[in-house]
C-alpha atoms as a PDB file:
ATOM      1  CA  MET A   1     -15.856  21.559  -9.217  1.00  0.00           C
ATOM      2  CA  LYS A   2     -17.679  23.486 -11.932  1.00  0.00           C
ATOM      3  CA  GLU A   3     -21.738  23.045 -11.025  1.00  0.00           C
ATOM      4  CA  ASN A   4     -22.541  21.310 -14.653  1.00  0.00           C
ATOM      5  CA  THR A   5     -19.676  18.792 -14.246  1.00  0.00           C
ATOM      6  CA  THR A   6     -21.205  15.734 -13.612  1.00  0.00           C
ATOM      7  CA  LEU A   7     -19.762  12.622 -12.460  1.00  0.00           C
ATOM      8  CA  ASN A   8     -19.640  11.056 -15.781  1.00  0.00           C
ATOM      9  CA  ASP A   9     -18.080  13.547 -17.468  1.00  0.00           C
ATOM     10  CA  ILE A  10     -15.188  13.346 -14.475  1.00  0.00           C
ATOM     11  CA  ALA A  11     -15.235   9.273 -15.372  1.00  0.00           C
ATOM     12  CA  LYS A  12     -14.621  10.368 -18.968  1.00  0.00           C
ATOM     13  CA  ALA A  13     -11.656  13.140 -18.168  1.00  0.00           C
ATOM     14  CA  LEU A  14     -10.108   9.529 -15.708  1.00  0.00           C
ATOM     15  CA  PHE A  15     -10.230   7.433 -18.400  1.00  0.00           C
ATOM     16  CA  VAL A  16      -8.757  10.073 -20.981  1.00  0.00           C
ATOM     17  CA  VAL A  17      -5.813  10.521 -18.566  1.00  0.00           C
ATOM     18  CA  ASN A  18      -4.866   6.633 -17.723  1.00  0.00           C
ATOM     19  CA  ARG A  19      -5.199   6.227 -21.116  1.00  0.00           C
ATOM     20  CA  HIS A  20      -2.631   8.463 -22.182  1.00  0.00           C
ATOM     21  CA  ALA A  21      -0.271   7.996 -18.961  1.00  0.00           C
ATOM     22  CA  LYS A  22      -0.226   4.425 -20.333  1.00  0.00           C
ATOM     23  CA  THR A  23       1.908   5.696 -22.876  1.00  0.00           C
ATOM     24  CA  ALA A  24       3.467   8.848 -22.219  1.00  0.00           C
ATOM     25  CA  PRO A  25       7.263   9.247 -21.749  1.00  0.00           C
ATOM     26  CA  ASP A  26       6.714  10.592 -18.097  1.00  0.00           C
ATOM     27  CA  PRO A  27       3.838   9.725 -16.545  1.00  0.00           C
ATOM     28  CA  SER A  28       3.844  10.658 -13.552  1.00  0.00           C
ATOM     29  CA  TYR A  29       1.492  13.881 -13.535  1.00  0.00           C
ATOM     30  CA  LEU A  30      -1.481  11.718 -15.398  1.00  0.00           C
ATOM     31  CA  TYR A  31      -1.066   9.383 -13.109  1.00  0.00           C
ATOM     32  CA  GLN A  32      -0.639  11.124  -9.218  1.00  0.00           C
ATOM     33  CA  LEU A  33      -4.140  13.422 -11.036  1.00  0.00           C
ATOM     34  CA  LYS A  34      -5.712  10.161 -11.332  1.00  0.00           C
ATOM     35  CA  LYS A  35      -4.739   8.980  -8.148  1.00  0.00           C
ATOM     36  CA  GLN A  36      -5.747  11.877  -6.252  1.00  0.00           C
ATOM     37  CA  THR A  37      -9.137  12.197  -8.243  1.00  0.00           C
ATOM     38  CA  VAL A  38     -10.109   8.223  -7.776  1.00  0.00           C
ATOM     39  CA  ALA A  39      -9.387   8.972  -3.794  1.00  0.00           C
ATOM     40  CA  LYS A  40     -11.395  12.017  -3.517  1.00  0.00           C
ATOM     41  CA  LEU A  41     -14.430   9.720  -5.389  1.00  0.00           C
ATOM     42  CA  LEU A  42     -13.671   7.239  -2.672  1.00  0.00           C
ATOM     43  CA  GLU A  43     -14.080   9.485  -0.099  1.00  0.00           C
ATOM     44  CA  GLN A  44     -17.088  11.060  -1.311  1.00  0.00           C
ATOM     45  CA  ASN A  45     -19.245   7.516  -2.238  1.00  0.00           C
ATOM     46  CA  LYS A  46     -18.898   8.759  -5.562  1.00  0.00           C
ATOM     47  CA  ALA A  47     -17.023   5.512  -6.822  1.00  0.00           C
ATOM     48  CA  LYS A  48     -17.265   2.114  -5.807  1.00  0.00           C
ATOM     49  CA  LYS A  49     -15.033  -0.813  -4.673  1.00  0.00           C
ATOM     50  CA  ILE A  50     -15.166  -3.722  -6.664  1.00  0.00           C
ATOM     51  CA  GLY A  51     -12.793  -6.458  -5.634  1.00  0.00           C
ATOM     52  CA  LEU A  52      -9.170  -7.544  -6.462  1.00  0.00           C
ATOM     53  CA  HIS A  53      -7.590  -7.743 -10.049  1.00  0.00           C
ATOM     54  CA  PHE A  54      -4.127  -9.920 -10.665  1.00  0.00           C
ATOM     55  CA  SER A  55      -1.545  -7.488 -12.424  1.00  0.00           C
ATOM     56  CA  GLU A  56      -0.899  -8.190 -15.813  1.00  0.00           C
ATOM     57  CA  HIS A  57       2.513  -6.850 -14.997  1.00  0.00           C
ATOM     58  CA  PRO A  58       4.086  -8.766 -12.224  1.00  0.00           C
ATOM     59  CA  LYS A  59       6.777  -6.390 -10.156  1.00  0.00           C
ATOM     60  CA  LEU A  60      10.143  -8.300  -9.803  1.00  0.00           C
ATOM     61  CA  SER A  61       8.377 -11.429 -11.094  1.00  0.00           C
ATOM     62  CA  ARG A  62       6.411 -11.746  -8.162  1.00  0.00           C
ATOM     63  CA  GLN A  63       2.172 -11.543  -8.729  1.00  0.00           C
ATOM     64  CA  HIS A  64       0.516  -8.720  -6.730  1.00  0.00           C
ATOM     65  CA  SER A  65      -2.925  -7.800  -6.652  1.00  0.00           C
ATOM     66  CA  THR A  66      -4.836  -4.355  -7.969  1.00  0.00           C
ATOM     67  CA  MET A  67      -8.105  -3.312  -6.840  1.00  0.00           C
ATOM     68  CA  LEU A  68     -11.028  -2.550  -9.546  1.00  0.00           C
ATOM     69  CA  VAL A  69     -12.986   0.320  -8.764  1.00  0.00           C
ATOM     70  CA  GLN A  70     -16.077   1.549 -10.542  1.00  0.00           C
ATOM     71  CA  VAL A  71     -16.474   5.138 -11.309  1.00  0.00           C
ATOM     72  CA  ALA A  72     -20.067   5.868 -13.310  1.00  0.00           C
ATOM     73  CA  GLU A  73     -19.779   3.034 -15.873  1.00  0.00           C
ATOM     74  CA  TYR A  74     -16.098   3.198 -15.931  1.00  0.00           C
ATOM     75  CA  TYR A  75     -13.691   0.676 -14.588  1.00  0.00           C
ATOM     76  CA  PHE A  76     -10.190   1.152 -13.371  1.00  0.00           C
ATOM     77  CA  HIS A  77      -7.857  -0.639 -11.273  1.00  0.00           C
ATOM     78  CA  ILE A  78      -5.104   1.164  -8.946  1.00  0.00           C
ATOM     79  CA  PRO A  79      -3.062  -0.302  -6.505  1.00  0.00           C
ATOM     80  CA  ALA A  80      -5.171  -1.819  -3.452  1.00  0.00           C
ATOM     81  CA  ALA A  81      -3.457  -1.217   0.206  1.00  0.00           C
ATOM     82  CA  LYS A  82      -4.033  -3.855   3.091  1.00  0.00           C
ATOM     83  CA  GLU A  83      -6.890  -3.659   4.014  1.00  0.00           C
ATOM     84  CA  ASP A  84      -8.709  -4.297   0.908  1.00  0.00           C
ATOM     85  CA  PHE A  85      -7.091  -7.419   0.964  1.00  0.00           C
ATOM     86  CA  LYS A  86      -8.994  -8.106   4.051  1.00  0.00           C
ATOM     87  CA  THR A  87     -12.404  -6.552   3.027  1.00  0.00           C
ATOM     88  CA  LEU A  88     -12.689  -6.891  -0.807  1.00  0.00           C
ATOM     89  CA  PRO A  89     -13.052 -10.435  -2.997  1.00  0.00           C
ATOM     90  CA  HIS A  90     -10.318 -11.458  -5.709  1.00  0.00           C
ATOM     91  CA  LEU A  91     -11.791 -11.715  -8.345  1.00  0.00           C
ATOM     92  CA  GLY A  92      -8.667 -13.919 -10.167  1.00  0.00           C
ATOM     93  CA  GLU A  93      -7.345 -12.904 -13.218  1.00  0.00           C
ATOM     94  CA  LEU A  94      -8.553 -10.202 -15.448  1.00  0.00           C
ATOM     95  CA  ASP A  95     -11.198 -10.234 -17.773  1.00  0.00           C
ATOM     96  CA  LYS A  96      -9.723  -8.921 -21.142  1.00  0.00           C
ATOM     97  CA  THR A  97     -12.601  -8.957 -23.094  1.00  0.00           C
ATOM     98  CA  PHE A  98     -14.315  -5.921 -21.467  1.00  0.00           C
ATOM     99  CA  ARG A  99     -13.536  -2.746 -22.868  1.00  0.00           C
ATOM    100  CA  ASN A 100     -14.809   1.052 -21.209  1.00  0.00           C
ATOM    101  CA  PRO A 101     -16.891   3.025 -23.258  1.00  0.00           C
ATOM    102  CA  LYS A 102     -14.643   5.591 -25.189  1.00  0.00           C
ATOM    103  CA  PRO A 103     -14.952   8.502 -24.914  1.00  0.00           C
ATOM    104  CA  ASN A 104     -14.739  11.894 -27.399  1.00  0.00           C
ATOM    105  CA  LEU A 105     -12.159  14.016 -25.174  1.00  0.00           C
ATOM    106  CA  SER A 106      -9.331  15.640 -25.265  1.00  0.00           C
ATOM    107  CA  LEU A 107      -6.117  15.013 -22.741  1.00  0.00           C
ATOM    108  CA  SER A 108      -6.247  18.782 -22.352  1.00  0.00           C
ATOM    109  CA  GLN A 109      -9.743  19.403 -21.684  1.00  0.00           C
ATOM    110  CA  ALA A 110      -9.723  15.735 -19.573  1.00  0.00           C
ATOM    111  CA  LYS A 111      -6.697  17.387 -17.154  1.00  0.00           C
ATOM    112  CA  ARG A 112      -9.249  20.604 -17.454  1.00  0.00           C
ATOM    113  CA  ILE A 113     -11.912  18.787 -15.788  1.00  0.00           C
ATOM    114  CA  LEU A 114      -9.972  16.731 -13.209  1.00  0.00           C
ATOM    115  CA  ALA A 115      -7.915  19.722 -12.247  1.00  0.00           C
ATOM    116  CA  SER A 116     -11.502  21.660 -11.790  1.00  0.00           C
ATOM    117  CA  TYR A 117     -12.286  18.977 -10.003  1.00  0.00           C
ATOM    118  CA  LEU A 118      -9.537  18.725  -7.460  1.00  0.00           C
ATOM    119  CA  ASN A 119      -9.656  22.613  -7.103  1.00  0.00           C
ATOM    120  CA  LEU A 120      -6.146  22.925  -8.171  1.00  0.00           C
ATOM    121  CA  SER A 121      -5.462  26.477 -10.022  1.00  0.00           C
ATOM    122  CA  PRO A 122      -4.283  25.971 -13.686  1.00  0.00           C
ATOM    123  CA  GLN A 123      -0.651  27.809 -12.277  1.00  0.00           C
ATOM    124  CA  GLU A 124      -0.676  24.392  -9.949  1.00  0.00           C
ATOM    125  CA  ALA A 125      -1.332  22.168 -12.646  1.00  0.00           C
ATOM    126  CA  LYS A 126       0.834  23.434 -14.849  1.00  0.00           C
ATOM    127  CA  LYS A 127       3.638  23.452 -12.811  1.00  0.00           C
ATOM    128  CA  LYS A 128       3.222  19.936 -12.058  1.00  0.00           C
ATOM    129  CA  GLN A 129       3.184  18.933 -15.665  1.00  0.00           C
ATOM    130  CA  GLN A 130       6.380  20.544 -16.472  1.00  0.00           C
ATOM    131  CA  PRO A 131       9.272  18.674 -14.439  1.00  0.00           C
ATOM    132  CA  PRO A 132      12.855  20.522 -14.553  1.00  0.00           C
ATOM    133  CA  VAL A 133      15.325  19.148 -16.618  1.00  0.00           C
ATOM    134  CA  SER A 134      17.799  17.517 -15.252  1.00  0.00           C
ATOM    135  CA  ARG A 135      21.261  16.968 -17.214  1.00  0.00           C
ATOM    136  CA  SER A 136      24.226  15.415 -16.505  1.00  0.00           C
ATOM    137  CA  ALA A 137      27.552  17.929 -15.718  1.00  0.00           C
ATOM    138  CA  TYR A 138      29.007  16.262 -18.459  1.00  0.00           C
ATOM    139  CA  TYR A 139      26.084  17.072 -21.406  1.00  0.00           C
ATOM    140  CA  THR A 140      26.759  18.353 -24.806  1.00  0.00           C
ATOM    141  CA  PRO A 141      24.003  19.480 -26.424  1.00  0.00           C
ATOM    142  CA  SER A 142      24.052  17.954 -29.676  1.00  0.00           C
ATOM    143  CA  SER A 143      24.702  20.441 -33.056  1.00  0.00           C
ATOM    144  CA  LEU A 144      23.126  18.035 -35.476  1.00  0.00           C
ATOM    145  CA  GLY A 145      20.619  19.176 -37.581  1.00  0.00           C
ATOM    146  CA  GLN A 146      22.122  23.010 -36.945  1.00  0.00           C
ATOM    147  CA  PHE A 147      24.077  23.559 -39.629  1.00  0.00           C
ATOM    148  CA  THR A 148      23.445  26.770 -41.733  1.00  0.00           C
ATOM    149  CA  TRP A 149      24.425  26.846 -45.186  1.00  0.00           C
ATOM    150  CA  PRO A 150      26.439  29.561 -46.479  1.00  0.00           C
ATOM    151  CA  ASP A 151      24.840  32.306 -48.526  1.00  0.00           C
ATOM    152  CA  LYS A 152      25.174  31.757 -51.972  1.00  0.00           C
ATOM    153  CA  LYS A 153      28.162  33.987 -53.926  1.00  0.00           C
ATOM    154  CA  LYS A 154      26.494  36.549 -55.989  1.00  0.00           C
ATOM    155  CA  ARG A 155      27.608  36.428 -59.067  1.00  0.00           C
ATOM    156  CA  ARG A 156      28.793  38.914 -60.911  1.00  0.00           C
ATOM    157  CA  SER A 157      26.726  40.181 -64.163  1.00  0.00           C
END
């Protein structure tokens, strides 16, 4: 981690990565980045476990809980472990009126900050961002939009 990167910068980067992961077509890399960062922050006692919330999106029509974690002035939800249910208080429903402060940070800057904090090399970070494209053996590329118009015939003068 760079010397000038503060805990607040890491929290802002986490917020941006989490926000983009919710709408990304393939959010697995972004969620993995978030998970690793939060785990490292908890391990270093730079993040604090607050409690458990009921999830807004039940899995297979069954209610489950997520753990609320505080990093600087930002709050995040991550999957709860079995031991968290024994040690943390259950806070009930999610407070929908609370919002994290909105940072002014791009996704690329946020990923760079988190990769630096996790000591990931730039090549390693880029490799994880672009999963290999797997296509069916029956895949035929579309030719829509690839029609080229024939050159105009030259007119005789």
